[in-house]
Amino acid sequence: MKPVPTYELYGERAGNAPDFWLHCETIPSRSSLHRYEIGLHRHESFFQILYISAGSGDALFGAERRMLVPGALVTVPPALGHGFRFSRDIDGYVFTMLASHLRLSGTAARFAAAPRVTPLDPRDPDGAFVLSTLTRLAAEWRGRQGGRTDLMEAYLTTVLALAARLWSRSEPDEGADAAARRMEHLNGLVQQHFRDQKPANFYAQELGVSPTHLNRIVKAATGLTAHAYIARKRIDEARRDLVFTDIPAQEIALRLGFADPAYFSRAFLRETGQTPRAFRLAERGRLAAQSSE
């Protein structure tokens, strides 16, 4: 199976980290360059909102395909593999924003944790307000006037809070899928913040759950506490760096937020049963042996 490519922006690779937190463009402006089909890809650090105002198509979220019709609001969390296929008369907007810039809690955080296709009915007051707010958001992004950052943040929060309200009316109970979706969101958050050594309480707040509930979710899915699971994710990143880069172990430790390289070595040994140096030598030897077969 081919790996899912990771993009900085909607449909393109960016060589350097972006110097913005929000980007806006029309859907046809980019999809037309790709024959109206955007292949499966993901964004590690970006959250996306698409609004379909005309035309049709479908969205692919992992292995799940969802139909798109006019009035659809599509929300895509970071680190999720997704793709789109549009009709040639497609119209609407796509907003790409740094996930770390969003300040959501409660229902809005749960809504944003998983991919959604939410219908917007202009006859419904909340749906009509979301539609007008998206139009204002696009105009504010293009206008580049004073105070635009504060206004755009307010518009985004409004759009997601009202969309979450609409979603909660139609799906008040997520059932067994809720924990899986929260784990998916947690993985995206950990990928963004593991270098900052954020505590488990931080992730619970971002997910809109209590620390105790987060522990229950992670324990059921992995057998680990939330703290241990987050720590393992950092060690997994260290494993990749040790095998696929020549960065010294001490520098890897610092990059991953370990102030003391000796503590990093002890944590790595506890998790893997090997020191960083021994692990690097053993894994590279194993890979070299496989490639020569």
Protein backbone atom coordinates (compact mmCIF):
# COMPACT_ATOMS: atom_id res chain seq x y z
CA MET A 1 0.00 0.00 0.00
CA LYS A 2 1.36 3.42 -0.98
CA PRO A 3 1.90 5.83 1.91
CA VAL A 4 -0.53 8.74 2.20
CA PRO A 5 1.38 11.95 1.34
CA THR A 6 1.51 14.75 3.90
CA TYR A 7 0.94 18.28 2.63
CA GLU A 8 1.44 21.63 4.29
CA LEU A 9 -1.29 23.28 2.19
CA TYR A 10 -4.41 22.10 0.40
CA GLY A 11 -3.02 20.03 -2.46
CA GLU A 12 0.60 21.20 -2.49
CA ARG A 13 3.89 20.60 -0.74
CA ALA A 14 5.52 23.55 1.00
CA GLY A 15 9.26 23.49 1.48
CA ASN A 16 9.24 25.67 4.58
CA ALA A 17 6.90 26.13 7.50
CA PRO A 18 4.09 28.51 6.56
CA ASP A 19 4.22 32.06 7.92
CA PHE A 20 0.44 32.31 8.23
CA TRP A 21 -2.24 30.68 10.35
CA LEU A 22 -5.15 30.86 7.87
CA HIS A 23 -5.45 30.46 4.11
CA CYS A 24 -8.58 30.86 2.00
CA GLU A 25 -9.33 30.10 -1.63
CA THR A 26 -12.19 28.93 -3.82
CA ILE A 27 -12.55 25.20 -4.34
CA PRO A 28 -12.37 25.36 -8.17
CA SER A 29 -9.25 27.55 -8.14
CA ARG A 30 -7.15 24.56 -7.05
CA SER A 31 -9.22 21.49 -7.87
CA SER A 32 -9.45 22.55 -11.52
CA LEU A 33 -5.66 22.22 -11.72
CA HIS A 34 -6.01 18.56 -10.77
CA ARG A 35 -8.98 17.68 -13.00
CA TYR A 36 -11.29 18.25 -10.04
CA GLU A 37 -9.88 15.33 -8.09
CA ILE A 38 -7.68 15.71 -5.00
CA GLY A 39 -6.00 12.41 -4.13
CA LEU A 40 -5.80 10.95 -0.65
CA HIS A 41 -3.46 13.07 1.52
CA ARG A 42 -3.25 14.58 4.98
CA HIS A 43 -2.09 17.67 6.85
CA GLU A 44 -0.26 17.08 10.12
CA SER A 45 -0.82 20.57 11.56
CA PHE A 46 -3.82 21.96 9.70
CA PHE A 47 -7.58 21.88 10.19
CA GLN A 48 -9.75 22.42 7.11
CA ILE A 49 -13.25 23.70 6.41
CA LEU A 50 -14.83 23.36 2.98
CA TYR A 51 -18.16 24.91 2.05
CA ILE A 52 -19.91 23.52 -1.05
CA SER A 53 -22.12 26.25 -2.53
CA ALA A 54 -22.70 24.66 -5.96
CA GLY A 55 -21.95 21.46 -7.83
CA SER A 56 -21.47 18.07 -6.23
CA GLY A 57 -18.85 15.46 -5.43
CA ASP A 58 -17.70 13.14 -2.71
CA ALA A 59 -15.22 13.21 0.15
CA LEU A 60 -12.98 10.31 1.15
CA PHE A 61 -12.11 10.05 4.85
CA GLY A 62 -9.75 7.10 5.17
CA ALA A 63 -11.84 4.28 3.69
CA GLU A 64 -15.18 6.06 4.17
CA ARG A 65 -16.76 7.95 1.27
CA ARG A 66 -19.36 10.70 1.82
CA MET A 67 -21.49 12.47 -0.80
CA LEU A 68 -21.25 16.25 -1.17
CA VAL A 69 -24.16 18.42 -2.28
CA PRO A 70 -24.71 22.19 -2.21
CA GLY A 71 -25.02 23.52 1.31
CA ALA A 72 -22.56 20.99 2.75
CA LEU A 73 -20.01 22.09 5.34
CA VAL A 74 -17.02 19.71 5.41
CA THR A 75 -14.63 19.75 8.37
CA VAL A 76 -11.37 17.77 8.34
CA PRO A 77 -9.18 17.41 11.48
CA PRO A 78 -5.38 17.31 11.19
CA ALA A 79 -3.46 14.08 10.49
CA LEU A 80 -6.47 12.43 8.82
CA GLY A 81 -6.06 10.93 5.35
CA HIS A 82 -8.67 12.48 3.05
CA GLY A 83 -9.39 13.26 -0.59
CA PHE A 84 -12.07 14.83 -2.79
CA ARG A 85 -13.68 14.35 -6.18
CA PHE A 86 -15.71 17.28 -7.52
CA SER A 87 -18.01 17.94 -10.44
CA ARG A 88 -16.81 20.56 -12.92
CA ASP A 89 -19.46 23.03 -11.76
CA ILE A 90 -18.20 22.90 -8.17
CA ASP A 91 -18.06 26.15 -6.24
CA GLY A 92 -17.43 27.23 -2.69
CA TYR A 93 -14.54 27.93 -0.33
CA VAL A 94 -11.80 26.00 1.39
CA PHE A 95 -10.25 27.40 4.56
CA THR A 96 -6.99 25.90 5.84
CA MET A 97 -5.85 26.93 9.30
CA LEU A 98 -3.29 25.96 11.91
CA ALA A 99 -5.06 23.56 14.28
CA SER A 100 -3.09 25.00 17.19
CA HIS A 101 -4.79 28.36 16.52
CA LEU A 102 -8.26 27.01 17.23
CA ARG A 103 -9.65 27.49 20.73
CA LEU A 104 -12.50 25.02 21.07
CA SER A 105 -14.07 23.20 23.98
CA GLY A 106 -17.06 21.03 24.83
CA THR A 107 -19.32 20.09 21.92
CA ALA A 108 -17.31 22.18 19.43
CA ALA A 109 -14.10 20.31 20.33
CA ARG A 110 -15.85 16.95 19.95
CA PHE A 111 -17.34 18.06 16.64
CA ALA A 112 -13.91 19.11 15.31
CA ALA A 113 -12.24 15.89 16.46
CA ALA A 114 -13.58 13.81 13.56
CA PRO A 115 -14.37 14.45 9.88
CA ARG A 116 -17.91 15.72 9.33
CA VAL A 117 -20.21 16.61 6.45
CA THR A 118 -22.84 18.89 7.95
CA PRO A 119 -25.78 20.14 5.85
CA LEU A 120 -26.53 23.86 6.19
CA ASP A 121 -30.17 24.82 5.71
CA PRO A 122 -30.52 28.55 4.92
CA ARG A 123 -34.04 28.43 6.36
CA ASP A 124 -32.62 27.50 9.76
CA PRO A 125 -31.37 30.56 11.70
CA ASP A 126 -28.14 28.81 12.79
CA GLY A 127 -27.51 27.42 9.31
CA ALA A 128 -28.13 30.84 7.73
CA PHE A 129 -25.75 32.48 10.18
CA VAL A 130 -23.00 29.96 9.40
CA LEU A 131 -23.43 30.66 5.68
CA SER A 132 -23.20 34.43 6.11
CA THR A 133 -20.26 34.11 8.49
CA LEU A 134 -18.31 31.99 6.00
CA THR A 135 -18.87 34.67 3.37
CA ARG A 136 -17.66 37.35 5.79
CA LEU A 137 -14.64 35.23 6.70
CA ALA A 138 -13.62 34.88 3.05
CA ALA A 139 -14.10 38.63 2.47
CA GLU A 140 -12.08 39.49 5.56
CA TRP A 141 -9.23 37.23 4.46
CA ARG A 142 -9.13 38.92 1.05
CA GLY A 143 -9.51 42.46 2.40
CA ARG A 144 -6.47 42.50 4.72
CA GLN A 145 -7.79 45.42 6.75
CA GLY A 146 -6.94 46.33 10.31
CA GLY A 147 -8.26 44.02 13.01
CA ARG A 148 -8.70 41.14 10.55
CA THR A 149 -6.99 38.54 12.74
CA ASP A 150 -9.36 39.08 15.67
CA LEU A 151 -12.37 39.09 13.36
CA MET A 152 -11.31 35.95 11.51
CA GLU A 153 -10.73 34.11 14.79
CA ALA A 154 -14.18 35.16 15.98
CA TYR A 155 -15.79 34.08 12.69
CA LEU A 156 -14.09 30.67 12.81
CA THR A 157 -15.13 30.05 16.40
CA THR A 158 -18.70 31.04 15.51
CA VAL A 159 -18.81 28.78 12.46
CA LEU A 160 -17.53 25.73 14.35
CA ALA A 161 -19.68 26.34 17.45
CA LEU A 162 -22.87 26.67 15.40
CA ALA A 163 -21.96 23.75 13.13
CA ALA A 164 -21.40 21.66 16.26
CA ARG A 165 -24.84 22.67 17.49
CA LEU A 166 -26.41 21.60 14.20
CA TRP A 167 -24.50 18.32 14.32
CA SER A 168 -25.53 17.62 17.92
CA ARG A 169 -29.20 18.02 16.97
CA SER A 170 -28.97 15.27 14.36
CA GLU A 171 -26.47 13.04 16.21
CA PRO A 172 -26.96 13.55 19.94
CA ASP A 173 -25.34 10.21 20.78
CA GLU A 174 -22.11 9.10 19.05
CA GLY A 175 -22.25 5.71 20.76
CA ALA A 176 -19.23 3.43 20.51
CA ASP A 177 -17.60 5.58 17.82
CA ALA A 178 -16.97 8.46 20.22
CA ALA A 179 -13.94 6.91 21.92
CA ALA A 180 -12.34 5.96 18.59
CA ARG A 181 -12.83 9.47 17.28
CA ARG A 182 -11.35 11.00 20.40
CA MET A 183 -8.34 8.70 20.11
CA GLU A 184 -7.91 9.85 16.52
CA HIS A 185 -8.06 13.48 17.66
CA LEU A 186 -5.65 12.74 20.52
CA ASN A 187 -3.12 11.27 18.09
CA GLY A 188 -3.27 14.43 15.99
CA LEU A 189 -2.81 16.64 19.03
CA VAL A 190 0.12 14.60 20.33
CA GLN A 191 1.77 14.85 16.92
CA GLN A 192 1.51 18.63 17.13
CA HIS A 193 2.61 19.10 20.74
CA PHE A 194 4.82 16.22 21.87
CA ARG A 195 7.96 18.36 21.66
CA ASP A 196 6.42 20.77 24.18
CA GLN A 197 5.92 18.06 26.82
CA LYS A 198 2.29 18.99 27.31
CA PRO A 199 0.72 17.12 30.27
CA ALA A 200 -2.24 14.78 29.94
CA ASN A 201 -4.50 17.48 31.42
CA PHE A 202 -3.72 19.70 28.41
CA TYR A 203 -4.91 17.03 25.98
CA ALA A 204 -8.04 16.38 28.05
CA GLN A 205 -8.91 20.07 27.88
CA GLU A 206 -8.30 20.18 24.12
CA LEU A 207 -10.60 17.16 23.67
CA GLY A 208 -13.29 18.64 25.88
CA VAL A 209 -13.22 15.77 28.41
CA SER A 210 -12.07 15.38 32.00
CA PRO A 211 -8.58 13.93 32.69
CA THR A 212 -10.26 10.91 34.29
CA HIS A 213 -12.38 10.30 31.21
CA LEU A 214 -9.35 10.68 28.93
CA ASN A 215 -7.55 8.04 30.97
CA ARG A 216 -10.50 5.68 30.56
CA ILE A 217 -10.57 6.22 26.78
CA VAL A 218 -6.83 5.66 26.35
CA LYS A 219 -6.76 2.71 28.76
CA ALA A 220 -9.56 0.97 26.87
CA ALA A 221 -7.85 1.53 23.50
CA THR A 222 -4.20 0.85 24.42
CA GLY A 223 -3.97 -0.56 27.94
CA LEU A 224 -1.91 2.49 28.96
CA THR A 225 -2.66 5.57 30.99
CA ALA A 226 -2.88 8.81 29.02
CA HIS A 227 0.46 9.93 30.49
CA ALA A 228 2.18 6.67 29.49
CA TYR A 229 0.63 6.74 26.01
CA ILE A 230 1.84 10.30 25.35
CA ALA A 231 5.32 9.37 26.61
CA ARG A 232 5.38 6.35 24.28
CA LYS A 233 4.53 8.57 21.31
CA ARG A 234 7.64 10.66 22.03
CA ILE A 235 9.79 7.53 22.22
CA ASP A 236 8.29 6.35 18.91
CA GLU A 237 9.44 9.62 17.34
CA ALA A 238 12.91 9.09 18.82
CA ARG A 239 13.02 5.61 17.28
CA ARG A 240 12.36 7.04 13.83
CA ASP A 241 15.03 9.71 14.21
CA LEU A 242 17.59 7.19 15.45
CA VAL A 243 17.04 4.84 12.52
CA PHE A 244 16.48 7.24 9.65
CA THR A 245 18.69 10.22 10.52
CA ASP A 246 22.28 10.71 11.66
CA ILE A 247 21.30 13.21 14.36
CA PRO A 248 23.18 12.47 17.60
CA ALA A 249 21.07 10.96 20.37
CA GLN A 250 21.68 14.00 22.61
CA GLU A 251 20.30 16.33 19.95
CA ILE A 252 17.29 14.08 19.39
CA ALA A 253 16.63 14.25 23.13
CA LEU A 254 16.67 18.05 23.07
CA ARG A 255 14.44 18.21 19.98
CA LEU A 256 11.89 16.02 21.71
CA GLY A 257 11.79 18.24 24.79
CA PHE A 258 14.05 16.22 27.10
CA ALA A 259 16.18 18.79 28.96
CA ASP A 260 18.50 16.05 30.25
CA PRO A 261 19.94 13.58 27.67
CA ALA A 262 20.62 11.11 30.48
CA TYR A 263 16.93 11.13 31.42
CA PHE A 264 16.07 10.55 27.76
CA SER A 265 18.39 7.53 27.66
CA ARG A 266 16.77 6.08 30.79
CA ALA A 267 13.25 6.67 29.42
CA PHE A 268 14.24 5.10 26.08
CA LEU A 269 15.79 2.09 27.83
CA ARG A 270 12.71 1.63 30.00
CA GLU A 271 10.41 1.72 26.96
CA THR A 272 12.47 -0.35 24.47
CA GLY A 273 14.86 -2.40 26.58
CA GLN A 274 17.83 -0.84 24.74
CA THR A 275 19.89 2.33 24.97
CA PRO A 276 19.45 4.78 22.07
CA ARG A 277 22.87 3.87 20.67
CA ALA A 278 22.25 0.12 20.88
CA PHE A 279 18.82 0.51 19.28
CA ARG A 280 20.25 2.57 16.39
CA LEU A 281 22.99 0.01 15.67
CA ALA A 282 20.65 -2.98 15.93
CA GLU A 283 17.90 -1.52 13.72
CA ARG A 284 20.27 -0.26 11.06
CA GLY A 285 21.95 -3.67 11.00
CA ARG A 286 18.57 -5.36 10.62
CA LEU A 287 17.53 -3.06 7.76
CA ALA A 288 20.87 -3.53 6.01
CA ALA A 289 20.49 -7.30 6.25
CA GLN A 290 16.98 -7.14 4.78
CA SER A 291 18.08 -4.96 1.86
CA SER A 292 20.87 -7.39 0.94
CA GLU A 293 18.56 -10.42 0.77
